[in-house]
PDB file of all heavy atoms in Angstrom:
ATOM      1  N   ASN A   1     -61.713   4.298 -51.472  1.00  0.00           N
ATOM      2  CA  ASN A   1     -61.686   2.850 -51.232  1.00  0.00           C
ATOM      3  C   ASN A   1     -60.492   2.358 -50.581  1.00  0.00           C
ATOM      4  O   ASN A   1     -60.604   1.605 -49.695  1.00  0.00           O
ATOM      5  CB  ASN A   1     -62.098   2.112 -52.617  1.00  0.00           C
ATOM      6  CG  ASN A   1     -62.269   0.674 -52.412  1.00  0.00           C
ATOM      7  OD1 ASN A   1     -63.195   0.340 -51.596  1.00  0.00           O
ATOM      8  ND2 ASN A   1     -61.591  -0.042 -53.084  1.00  0.00           N
ATOM      9  N   GLU A   2     -59.438   2.852 -51.081  1.00  0.00           N
ATOM     10  CA  GLU A   2     -58.198   2.467 -50.483  1.00  0.00           C
ATOM     11  C   GLU A   2     -58.062   2.951 -49.064  1.00  0.00           C
ATOM     12  O   GLU A   2     -57.496   2.167 -48.149  1.00  0.00           O
ATOM     13  CB  GLU A   2     -56.972   2.983 -51.269  1.00  0.00           C
ATOM     14  CG  GLU A   2     -56.760   2.420 -52.779  1.00  0.00           C
ATOM     15  CD  GLU A   2     -55.698   3.051 -53.577  1.00  0.00           C
ATOM     16  OE1 GLU A   2     -55.355   4.145 -53.128  1.00  0.00           O
ATOM     17  OE2 GLU A   2     -55.383   2.603 -54.492  1.00  0.00           O
ATOM     18  N   GLU A   3     -58.617   4.076 -48.765  1.00  0.00           N
ATOM     19  CA  GLU A   3     -58.730   4.481 -47.386  1.00  0.00           C
ATOM     20  C   GLU A   3     -59.495   3.571 -46.429  1.00  0.00           C
ATOM     21  O   GLU A   3     -59.196   3.319 -45.346  1.00  0.00           O
ATOM     22  CB  GLU A   3     -59.083   5.868 -47.233  1.00  0.00           C
ATOM     23  CG  GLU A   3     -59.364   6.420 -45.776  1.00  0.00           C
ATOM     24  CD  GLU A   3     -58.071   6.403 -44.835  1.00  0.00           C
ATOM     25  OE1 GLU A   3     -56.912   6.486 -45.608  1.00  0.00           O
ATOM     26  OE2 GLU A   3     -58.157   6.292 -43.863  1.00  0.00           O
ATOM     27  N   ARG A   4     -60.626   3.150 -46.959  1.00  0.00           N
ATOM     28  CA  ARG A   4     -61.503   2.239 -46.290  1.00  0.00           C
ATOM     29  C   ARG A   4     -60.723   0.948 -45.962  1.00  0.00           C
ATOM     30  O   ARG A   4     -60.732   0.380 -44.963  1.00  0.00           O
ATOM     31  CB  ARG A   4     -62.785   1.863 -47.107  1.00  0.00           C
ATOM     32  CG  ARG A   4     -63.516   0.772 -46.429  1.00  0.00           C
ATOM     33  CD  ARG A   4     -64.579   0.261 -47.534  1.00  0.00           C
ATOM     34  NE  ARG A   4     -64.066  -0.366 -48.711  1.00  0.00           N
ATOM     35  CZ  ARG A   4     -63.682  -1.660 -48.626  1.00  0.00           C
ATOM     36  NH1 ARG A   4     -63.703  -2.376 -47.707  1.00  0.00           N
ATOM     37  NH2 ARG A   4     -63.221  -2.117 -49.738  1.00  0.00           N
ATOM     38  N   ILE A   5     -60.003   0.415 -47.013  1.00  0.00           N
ATOM     39  CA  ILE A   5     -59.180  -0.893 -46.841  1.00  0.00           C
ATOM     40  C   ILE A   5     -58.116  -0.696 -45.713  1.00  0.00           C
ATOM     41  O   ILE A   5     -57.968  -1.357 -44.911  1.00  0.00           O
ATOM     42  CB  ILE A   5     -58.579  -1.261 -48.195  1.00  0.00           C
ATOM     43  CG1 ILE A   5     -59.612  -1.635 -49.264  1.00  0.00           C
ATOM     44  CG2 ILE A   5     -57.570  -2.337 -48.024  1.00  0.00           C
ATOM     45  CD1 ILE A   5     -59.143  -1.881 -50.543  1.00  0.00           C
ATOM     46  N   ARG A   6     -57.357   0.515 -45.834  1.00  0.00           N
ATOM     47  CA  ARG A   6     -56.372   0.726 -44.828  1.00  0.00           C
ATOM     48  C   ARG A   6     -57.057   0.929 -43.404  1.00  0.00           C
ATOM     49  O   ARG A   6     -56.499   0.333 -42.333  1.00  0.00           O
ATOM     50  CB  ARG A   6     -55.656   2.120 -45.116  1.00  0.00           C
ATOM     51  CG  ARG A   6     -54.757   1.908 -46.228  1.00  0.00           C
ATOM     52  CD  ARG A   6     -53.707   3.185 -46.286  1.00  0.00           C
ATOM     53  NE  ARG A   6     -54.535   4.364 -46.800  1.00  0.00           N
ATOM     54  CZ  ARG A   6     -54.780   4.719 -48.031  1.00  0.00           C
ATOM     55  NH1 ARG A   6     -53.884   3.966 -48.946  1.00  0.00           N
ATOM     56  NH2 ARG A   6     -55.291   5.852 -48.391  1.00  0.00           N
ATOM     57  N   ARG A   7     -58.242   1.503 -43.275  1.00  0.00           N
ATOM     58  CA  ARG A   7     -58.790   1.623 -42.062  1.00  0.00           C
ATOM     59  C   ARG A   7     -59.274   0.261 -41.473  1.00  0.00           C
ATOM     60  O   ARG A   7     -59.044   0.003 -40.307  1.00  0.00           O
ATOM     61  CB  ARG A   7     -60.155   2.510 -42.286  1.00  0.00           C
ATOM     62  CG  ARG A   7     -60.836   2.895 -40.854  1.00  0.00           C
ATOM     63  CD  ARG A   7     -61.981   3.896 -41.079  1.00  0.00           C
ATOM     64  NE  ARG A   7     -62.898   3.361 -42.078  1.00  0.00           N
ATOM     65  CZ  ARG A   7     -63.124   3.927 -43.202  1.00  0.00           C
ATOM     66  NH1 ARG A   7     -62.263   4.951 -43.673  1.00  0.00           N
ATOM     67  NH2 ARG A   7     -63.856   3.454 -44.023  1.00  0.00           N
ATOM     68  N   GLU A   8     -59.868  -0.573 -42.301  1.00  0.00           N
ATOM     69  CA  GLU A   8     -60.246  -1.874 -41.866  1.00  0.00           C
ATOM     70  C   GLU A   8     -59.109  -2.783 -41.517  1.00  0.00           C
ATOM     71  O   GLU A   8     -59.050  -3.510 -40.527  1.00  0.00           O
ATOM     72  CB  GLU A   8     -61.023  -2.544 -42.924  1.00  0.00           C
ATOM     73  CG  GLU A   8     -62.444  -1.931 -43.103  1.00  0.00           C
ATOM     74  CD  GLU A   8     -63.279  -2.610 -44.166  1.00  0.00           C
ATOM     75  OE1 GLU A   8     -62.819  -3.505 -44.848  1.00  0.00           O
ATOM     76  OE2 GLU A   8     -64.454  -2.129 -44.360  1.00  0.00           O
ATOM     77  N   LEU A   9     -57.942  -2.623 -42.249  1.00  0.00           N
ATOM     78  CA  LEU A   9     -56.794  -3.363 -41.925  1.00  0.00           C
ATOM     79  C   LEU A   9     -56.121  -2.871 -40.670  1.00  0.00           C
ATOM     80  O   LEU A   9     -55.637  -3.700 -39.820  1.00  0.00           O
ATOM     81  CB  LEU A   9     -55.791  -3.324 -43.179  1.00  0.00           C
ATOM     82  CG  LEU A   9     -56.142  -3.982 -44.413  1.00  0.00           C
ATOM     83  CD1 LEU A   9     -54.979  -3.776 -45.488  1.00  0.00           C
ATOM     84  CD2 LEU A   9     -56.133  -5.535 -44.214  1.00  0.00           C
ATOM     85  N   ALA A  10     -56.047  -1.629 -40.321  1.00  0.00           N
ATOM     86  CA  ALA A  10     -55.588  -1.192 -39.195  1.00  0.00           C
ATOM     87  C   ALA A  10     -56.415  -1.615 -37.997  1.00  0.00           C
ATOM     88  O   ALA A  10     -55.805  -2.005 -36.975  1.00  0.00           O
ATOM     89  CB  ALA A  10     -55.595   0.495 -39.183  1.00  0.00           C
ATOM     90  N   GLN A  11     -57.677  -1.679 -38.124  1.00  0.00           N
ATOM     91  CA  GLN A  11     -58.507  -2.220 -37.075  1.00  0.00           C
ATOM     92  C   GLN A  11     -58.254  -3.754 -36.827  1.00  0.00           C
ATOM     93  O   GLN A  11     -58.164  -4.168 -35.644  1.00  0.00           O
ATOM     94  CB  GLN A  11     -60.085  -2.035 -37.406  1.00  0.00           C
ATOM     95  CG  GLN A  11     -60.498  -0.637 -37.387  1.00  0.00           C
ATOM     96  CD  GLN A  11     -61.872  -0.394 -38.041  1.00  0.00           C
ATOM     97  OE1 GLN A  11     -62.486  -1.365 -38.628  1.00  0.00           O
ATOM     98  NE2 GLN A  11     -62.483   0.738 -37.866  1.00  0.00           N
ATOM     99  N   MET A  12     -58.079  -4.485 -37.823  1.00  0.00           N
ATOM    100  CA  MET A  12     -57.795  -5.862 -37.629  1.00  0.00           C
ATOM    101  C   MET A  12     -56.383  -6.074 -37.081  1.00  0.00           C
ATOM    102  O   MET A  12     -56.235  -7.033 -36.195  1.00  0.00           O
ATOM    103  CB  MET A  12     -57.910  -6.579 -39.047  1.00  0.00           C
ATOM    104  CG  MET A  12     -59.297  -6.815 -39.529  1.00  0.00           C
ATOM    105  SD  MET A  12     -59.431  -7.776 -41.143  1.00  0.00           S
ATOM    106  CE  MET A  12     -58.735  -6.616 -42.337  1.00  0.00           C
ATOM    107  N   GLN A  13     -55.345  -5.208 -37.513  1.00  0.00           N
ATOM    108  CA  GLN A  13     -54.102  -5.381 -36.872  1.00  0.00           C
ATOM    109  C   GLN A  13     -54.058  -5.003 -35.520  1.00  0.00           C
ATOM    110  O   GLN A  13     -53.315  -5.568 -34.613  1.00  0.00           O
ATOM    111  CB  GLN A  13     -53.212  -4.370 -37.684  1.00  0.00           C
ATOM    112  CG  GLN A  13     -51.683  -4.546 -37.283  1.00  0.00           C
ATOM    113  CD  GLN A  13     -51.123  -5.942 -37.606  1.00  0.00           C
ATOM    114  OE1 GLN A  13     -51.177  -6.423 -38.744  1.00  0.00           O
ATOM    115  NE2 GLN A  13     -50.550  -6.583 -36.466  1.00  0.00           N
ATOM    116  N   ALA A  14     -54.771  -4.018 -35.074  1.00  0.00           N
ATOM    117  CA  ALA A  14     -54.954  -3.620 -33.637  1.00  0.00           C
ATOM    118  C   ALA A  14     -55.505  -4.783 -32.786  1.00  0.00           C
ATOM    119  O   ALA A  14     -54.965  -5.174 -31.718  1.00  0.00           O
ATOM    120  CB  ALA A  14     -55.794  -2.322 -33.505  1.00  0.00           C
ATOM    121  N   LYS A  15     -56.543  -5.487 -33.324  1.00  0.00           N
ATOM    122  CA  LYS A  15     -57.042  -6.556 -32.657  1.00  0.00           C
ATOM    123  C   LYS A  15     -56.045  -7.756 -32.591  1.00  0.00           C
ATOM    124  O   LYS A  15     -55.939  -8.547 -31.579  1.00  0.00           O
ATOM    125  CB  LYS A  15     -58.435  -7.145 -33.424  1.00  0.00           C
ATOM    126  CG  LYS A  15     -59.595  -6.111 -33.291  1.00  0.00           C
ATOM    127  CD  LYS A  15     -60.720  -6.515 -34.027  1.00  0.00           C
ATOM    128  CE  LYS A  15     -61.913  -5.639 -33.951  1.00  0.00           C
ATOM    129  NZ  LYS A  15     -63.088  -6.158 -34.709  1.00  0.00           N
ATOM    130  N   LEU A  16     -55.344  -8.040 -33.712  1.00  0.00           N
ATOM    131  CA  LEU A  16     -54.352  -8.961 -33.763  1.00  0.00           C
ATOM    132  C   LEU A  16     -53.129  -8.788 -32.680  1.00  0.00           C
ATOM    133  O   LEU A  16     -52.780  -9.683 -32.007  1.00  0.00           O
ATOM    134  CB  LEU A  16     -53.883  -9.262 -35.100  1.00  0.00           C
ATOM    135  CG  LEU A  16     -52.803 -10.510 -35.288  1.00  0.00           C
ATOM    136  CD1 LEU A  16     -53.438 -11.733 -35.014  1.00  0.00           C
ATOM    137  CD2 LEU A  16     -52.352 -10.389 -36.812  1.00  0.00           C
ATOM    138  N   ASP A  17     -52.787  -7.529 -32.686  1.00  0.00           N
ATOM    139  CA  ASP A  17     -51.623  -7.108 -31.759  1.00  0.00           C
ATOM    140  C   ASP A  17     -52.176  -7.288 -30.314  1.00  0.00           C
ATOM    141  O   ASP A  17     -51.351  -7.881 -29.458  1.00  0.00           O
ATOM    142  CB  ASP A  17     -51.298  -5.670 -31.972  1.00  0.00           C
ATOM    143  CG  ASP A  17     -50.581  -5.545 -33.294  1.00  0.00           C
ATOM    144  OD1 ASP A  17     -50.124  -6.493 -33.739  1.00  0.00           O
ATOM    145  OD2 ASP A  17     -50.512  -4.332 -33.818  1.00  0.00           O
ATOM    146  N   ALA A  18     -53.506  -7.010 -30.095  1.00  0.00           N
ATOM    147  CA  ALA A  18     -53.858  -7.213 -28.650  1.00  0.00           C
ATOM    148  C   ALA A  18     -54.073  -8.585 -28.322  1.00  0.00           C
ATOM    149  O   ALA A  18     -53.724  -9.082 -27.179  1.00  0.00           O
ATOM    150  CB  ALA A  18     -55.383  -6.431 -28.498  1.00  0.00           C
ATOM    151  N   LEU A  19     -54.367  -9.381 -29.179  1.00  0.00           N
ATOM    152  CA  LEU A  19     -54.407 -10.876 -29.128  1.00  0.00           C
ATOM    153  C   LEU A  19     -53.141 -11.494 -28.794  1.00  0.00           C
ATOM    154  O   LEU A  19     -52.939 -12.277 -27.828  1.00  0.00           O
ATOM    155  CB  LEU A  19     -55.069 -11.484 -30.355  1.00  0.00           C
ATOM    156  CG  LEU A  19     -55.197 -13.076 -30.261  1.00  0.00           C
ATOM    157  CD1 LEU A  19     -55.944 -13.646 -28.999  1.00  0.00           C
ATOM    158  CD2 LEU A  19     -55.806 -13.616 -31.512  1.00  0.00           C
ATOM    159  N   ARG A  20     -52.023 -11.028 -29.609  1.00  0.00           N
ATOM    160  CA  ARG A  20     -50.764 -11.482 -29.391  1.00  0.00           C
ATOM    161  C   ARG A  20     -50.162 -11.087 -27.919  1.00  0.00           C
ATOM    162  O   ARG A  20     -49.639 -11.864 -27.276  1.00  0.00           O
ATOM    163  CB  ARG A  20     -49.854 -10.982 -30.405  1.00  0.00           C
ATOM    164  CG  ARG A  20     -50.020 -11.381 -31.845  1.00  0.00           C
ATOM    165  CD  ARG A  20     -48.831 -10.900 -32.848  1.00  0.00           C
ATOM    166  NE  ARG A  20     -49.120 -11.311 -34.088  1.00  0.00           N
ATOM    167  CZ  ARG A  20     -48.980 -12.461 -34.714  1.00  0.00           C
ATOM    168  NH1 ARG A  20     -48.373 -13.365 -34.004  1.00  0.00           N
ATOM    169  NH2 ARG A  20     -49.332 -12.754 -35.981  1.00  0.00           N
ATOM    170  N   ARG A  21     -50.518  -9.818 -27.544  1.00  0.00           N
ATOM    171  CA  ARG A  21     -50.125  -9.388 -26.191  1.00  0.00           C
ATOM    172  C   ARG A  21     -50.801 -10.315 -25.105  1.00  0.00           C
ATOM    173  O   ARG A  21     -50.135 -10.620 -24.180  1.00  0.00           O
ATOM    174  CB  ARG A  21     -50.425  -8.023 -26.070  1.00  0.00           C
ATOM    175  CG  ARG A  21     -49.523  -7.049 -26.769  1.00  0.00           C
ATOM    176  CD  ARG A  21     -49.551  -5.760 -26.466  1.00  0.00           C
ATOM    177  NE  ARG A  21     -50.929  -5.133 -26.497  1.00  0.00           N
ATOM    178  CZ  ARG A  21     -51.405  -4.487 -27.588  1.00  0.00           C
ATOM    179  NH1 ARG A  21     -50.554  -4.243 -28.614  1.00  0.00           N
ATOM    180  NH2 ARG A  21     -52.651  -4.071 -27.700  1.00  0.00           N
ATOM    181  N   GLU A  22     -52.037 -10.571 -25.406  1.00  0.00           N
ATOM    182  CA  GLU A  22     -52.737 -11.323 -24.468  1.00  0.00           C
ATOM    183  C   GLU A  22     -52.238 -12.915 -24.223  1.00  0.00           C
ATOM    184  O   GLU A  22     -52.058 -13.320 -23.323  1.00  0.00           O
ATOM    185  CB  GLU A  22     -54.277 -11.413 -24.720  1.00  0.00           C
ATOM    186  CG  GLU A  22     -55.130 -12.248 -23.767  1.00  0.00           C
ATOM    187  CD  GLU A  22     -56.528 -12.082 -24.230  1.00  0.00           C
ATOM    188  OE1 GLU A  22     -56.998 -11.024 -24.401  1.00  0.00           O
ATOM    189  OE2 GLU A  22     -57.242 -13.206 -24.122  1.00  0.00           O
ATOM    190  N   LEU A  23     -51.883 -13.371 -25.470  1.00  0.00           N
ATOM    191  CA  LEU A  23     -51.266 -14.687 -25.416  1.00  0.00           C
ATOM    192  C   LEU A  23     -49.908 -14.740 -24.785  1.00  0.00           C
ATOM    193  O   LEU A  23     -49.490 -15.677 -24.097  1.00  0.00           O
ATOM    194  CB  LEU A  23     -51.225 -15.253 -26.898  1.00  0.00           C
ATOM    195  CG  LEU A  23     -52.465 -15.574 -27.664  1.00  0.00           C
ATOM    196  CD1 LEU A  23     -52.228 -15.951 -29.066  1.00  0.00           C
ATOM    197  CD2 LEU A  23     -53.277 -16.531 -26.854  1.00  0.00           C
ATOM    198  N   GLU A  24     -49.107 -13.701 -25.108  1.00  0.00           N
ATOM    199  CA  GLU A  24     -47.891 -13.627 -24.328  1.00  0.00           C
ATOM    200  C   GLU A  24     -48.001 -13.522 -22.881  1.00  0.00           C
ATOM    201  O   GLU A  24     -47.280 -14.151 -22.066  1.00  0.00           O
ATOM    202  CB  GLU A  24     -47.074 -12.440 -24.848  1.00  0.00           C
ATOM    203  CG  GLU A  24     -46.561 -12.516 -26.294  1.00  0.00           C
ATOM    204  CD  GLU A  24     -46.010 -11.307 -26.996  1.00  0.00           C
ATOM    205  OE1 GLU A  24     -46.146 -10.188 -26.194  1.00  0.00           O
ATOM    206  OE2 GLU A  24     -45.654 -11.282 -28.083  1.00  0.00           O
ATOM    207  N   ASP A  25     -49.041 -12.683 -22.405  1.00  0.00           N
ATOM    208  CA  ASP A  25     -49.266 -12.527 -20.822  1.00  0.00           C
ATOM    209  C   ASP A  25     -49.674 -13.996 -20.365  1.00  0.00           C
ATOM    210  O   ASP A  25     -49.185 -14.332 -19.381  1.00  0.00           O
ATOM    211  CB  ASP A  25     -50.280 -11.555 -20.804  1.00  0.00           C
ATOM    212  CG  ASP A  25     -49.809 -10.101 -20.933  1.00  0.00           C
ATOM    213  OD1 ASP A  25     -48.645  -9.828 -21.114  1.00  0.00           O
ATOM    214  OD2 ASP A  25     -50.678  -9.115 -21.234  1.00  0.00           O
ATOM    215  N   ASN A  26     -50.562 -14.558 -21.037  1.00  0.00           N
ATOM    216  CA  ASN A  26     -50.885 -15.895 -20.568  1.00  0.00           C
ATOM    217  C   ASN A  26     -49.694 -16.878 -20.549  1.00  0.00           C
ATOM    218  O   ASN A  26     -49.670 -17.664 -19.578  1.00  0.00           O
ATOM    219  CB  ASN A  26     -52.030 -16.446 -21.549  1.00  0.00           C
ATOM    220  CG  ASN A  26     -53.416 -15.712 -21.333  1.00  0.00           C
ATOM    221  OD1 ASN A  26     -53.606 -15.195 -20.217  1.00  0.00           O
ATOM    222  ND2 ASN A  26     -54.245 -15.792 -22.377  1.00  0.00           N
ATOM    223  N   SER A  27     -48.864 -16.698 -21.552  1.00  0.00           N
ATOM    224  CA  SER A  27     -47.688 -17.693 -21.545  1.00  0.00           C
ATOM    225  C   SER A  27     -46.811 -17.444 -20.449  1.00  0.00           C
ATOM    226  O   SER A  27     -46.276 -18.305 -19.796  1.00  0.00           O
ATOM    227  CB  SER A  27     -46.970 -17.597 -22.876  1.00  0.00           C
ATOM    228  OG  SER A  27     -45.898 -18.431 -22.963  1.00  0.00           O
ATOM    229  N   ASP A  28     -46.652 -15.970 -20.091  1.00  0.00           N
ATOM    230  CA  ASP A  28     -45.721 -15.693 -19.033  1.00  0.00           C
ATOM    231  C   ASP A  28     -46.291 -16.150 -17.670  1.00  0.00           C
ATOM    232  O   ASP A  28     -45.601 -16.636 -16.872  1.00  0.00           O
ATOM    233  CB  ASP A  28     -45.544 -14.177 -19.004  1.00  0.00           C
ATOM    234  CG  ASP A  28     -44.864 -13.669 -20.178  1.00  0.00           C
ATOM    235  OD1 ASP A  28     -44.108 -14.459 -20.713  1.00  0.00           O
ATOM    236  OD2 ASP A  28     -44.897 -12.382 -20.421  1.00  0.00           O
TER     237      ASP A  28
END
C-alpha cells in the first residue's frame, strides 16, 4: 500500500514539475 502511495505521489509530482516548467517558459 505504501508503494502504491509513493507511485501515485511520484506521478503527481512529475505532472506538477512539468506544469511549473511550462509556466516558467510562458513567463519567460
